[in-house]
Amino acid sequence: MVFQVPAAKKSIGQNKFEFQIPGEDKTYAIPLIKYIKPSVVAEAQMLPAAAGVKRLLDEVAPGVFDKLEQGSQVDALFDAWSEESDIDLGESSASAS
């Protein structure tokens, strides 16, 4: 019997992470990290920390990374997103500050 890979579930509401950016009324809903294409996640893991987060955000919410004004916002957003995703991408050598 041939194994059938399950269908992607990134569009289901419970598989989304929601957030707002200061000064905006819009609520962004992006897939949990485990529902992003594995090739994109693998690529992000090979990049320095902020570049990896940018790569992930550009995949699911183009332009959002550029709206963040400080590295602490990037860190806070990614920490909450990865915690909600129940996934740890590991720490790159560039992320220690």
Protein backbone atom coordinates (compact mmCIF):
# COMPACT_ATOMS: atom_id res chain seq x y z
CA MET A 1 0.00 0.00 0.00
CA VAL A 2 1.32 3.44 -0.92
CA PHE A 3 1.56 6.04 1.86
CA GLN A 4 -0.52 9.15 1.19
CA VAL A 5 1.07 12.37 2.46
CA PRO A 6 -1.61 14.33 4.34
CA ALA A 7 -2.88 17.56 2.82
CA ALA A 8 -1.39 20.83 4.07
CA LYS A 9 -3.36 22.39 6.94
CA LYS A 10 -1.89 25.88 7.03
CA SER A 11 -5.19 27.56 6.20
CA ILE A 12 -7.09 26.15 9.17
CA GLY A 13 -7.73 28.87 11.77
CA GLN A 14 -6.20 26.98 14.67
CA ASN A 15 -2.97 26.65 12.67
CA LYS A 16 -2.51 30.42 12.44
CA PHE A 17 -0.61 32.93 14.54
CA GLU A 18 -2.18 36.39 14.86
CA PHE A 19 -0.41 39.61 15.76
CA GLN A 20 -0.59 43.37 15.40
CA ILE A 21 2.13 45.93 14.73
CA PRO A 22 2.17 49.11 16.85
CA GLY A 23 0.32 51.97 15.16
CA GLU A 24 -1.75 49.66 12.92
CA ASP A 25 -5.30 48.42 13.40
CA LYS A 26 -4.74 45.45 11.09
CA THR A 27 -4.43 41.97 12.60
CA TYR A 28 -2.05 39.73 10.67
CA ALA A 29 -2.78 35.99 10.55
CA ILE A 30 0.12 33.86 9.39
CA PRO A 31 0.62 30.08 9.43
CA LEU A 32 2.36 28.53 12.38
CA ILE A 33 5.99 27.85 11.48
CA LYS A 34 5.43 24.10 11.20
CA TYR A 35 2.98 24.79 8.34
CA ILE A 36 5.45 26.79 6.23
CA LYS A 37 7.13 24.99 3.33
CA PRO A 38 9.94 22.84 4.77
CA SER A 39 12.38 24.15 2.14
CA VAL A 40 11.76 27.73 3.33
CA VAL A 41 12.18 26.77 7.01
CA ALA A 42 15.40 24.90 6.21
CA GLU A 43 16.70 27.93 4.30
CA ALA A 44 15.79 30.24 7.21
CA GLN A 45 17.66 28.00 9.64
CA MET A 46 20.86 28.48 7.65
CA LEU A 47 20.69 32.29 7.84
CA PRO A 48 21.69 34.63 10.68
CA ALA A 49 18.79 35.09 13.11
CA ALA A 50 17.19 38.31 11.82
CA ALA A 51 17.68 37.27 8.19
CA GLY A 52 16.03 33.92 8.95
CA VAL A 53 13.01 35.61 10.50
CA LYS A 54 12.84 37.95 7.50
CA ARG A 55 12.89 34.98 5.13
CA LEU A 56 10.02 33.31 6.98
CA LEU A 57 7.94 36.49 7.18
CA ASP A 58 8.57 37.34 3.52
CA GLU A 59 7.16 33.92 2.63
CA VAL A 60 3.90 34.31 4.58
CA ALA A 61 3.43 38.09 4.99
CA PRO A 62 5.49 40.06 2.47
CA GLY A 63 6.44 43.53 3.71
CA VAL A 64 5.75 42.91 7.41
CA PHE A 65 9.42 42.62 8.39
CA ASP A 66 10.09 46.07 6.92
CA LYS A 67 7.37 47.57 9.15
CA LEU A 68 9.26 46.57 12.31
CA GLU A 69 11.43 49.38 13.65
CA GLN A 70 13.72 47.64 16.15
CA GLY A 71 15.48 44.33 16.57
CA SER A 72 13.66 43.85 19.86
CA GLN A 73 10.37 43.82 17.92
CA VAL A 74 11.73 41.13 15.59
CA ASP A 75 12.85 39.10 18.60
CA ALA A 76 9.53 39.48 20.42
CA LEU A 77 7.49 38.60 17.34
CA PHE A 78 9.60 35.56 16.52
CA ASP A 79 9.66 34.34 20.13
CA ALA A 80 5.86 34.47 20.36
CA TRP A 81 5.41 32.93 16.88
CA SER A 82 7.80 30.04 17.55
CA GLU A 83 6.28 29.43 21.00
CA GLU A 84 2.77 29.33 19.53
CA SER A 85 4.11 27.05 16.77
CA ASP A 86 5.61 24.74 19.40
CA ILE A 87 8.83 24.67 17.41
CA ASP A 88 12.41 25.70 18.03
CA LEU A 89 14.51 26.56 15.00
CA GLY A 90 17.65 26.63 17.07
CA GLU A 91 19.88 29.61 17.65
CA SER A 92 22.31 30.81 15.04
CA SER A 93 25.65 32.21 16.07
CA ALA A 94 24.50 35.64 14.88
CA SER A 95 21.49 35.72 17.19
CA ALA A 96 23.40 36.07 20.44
CA SER A 97 23.59 39.70 21.44
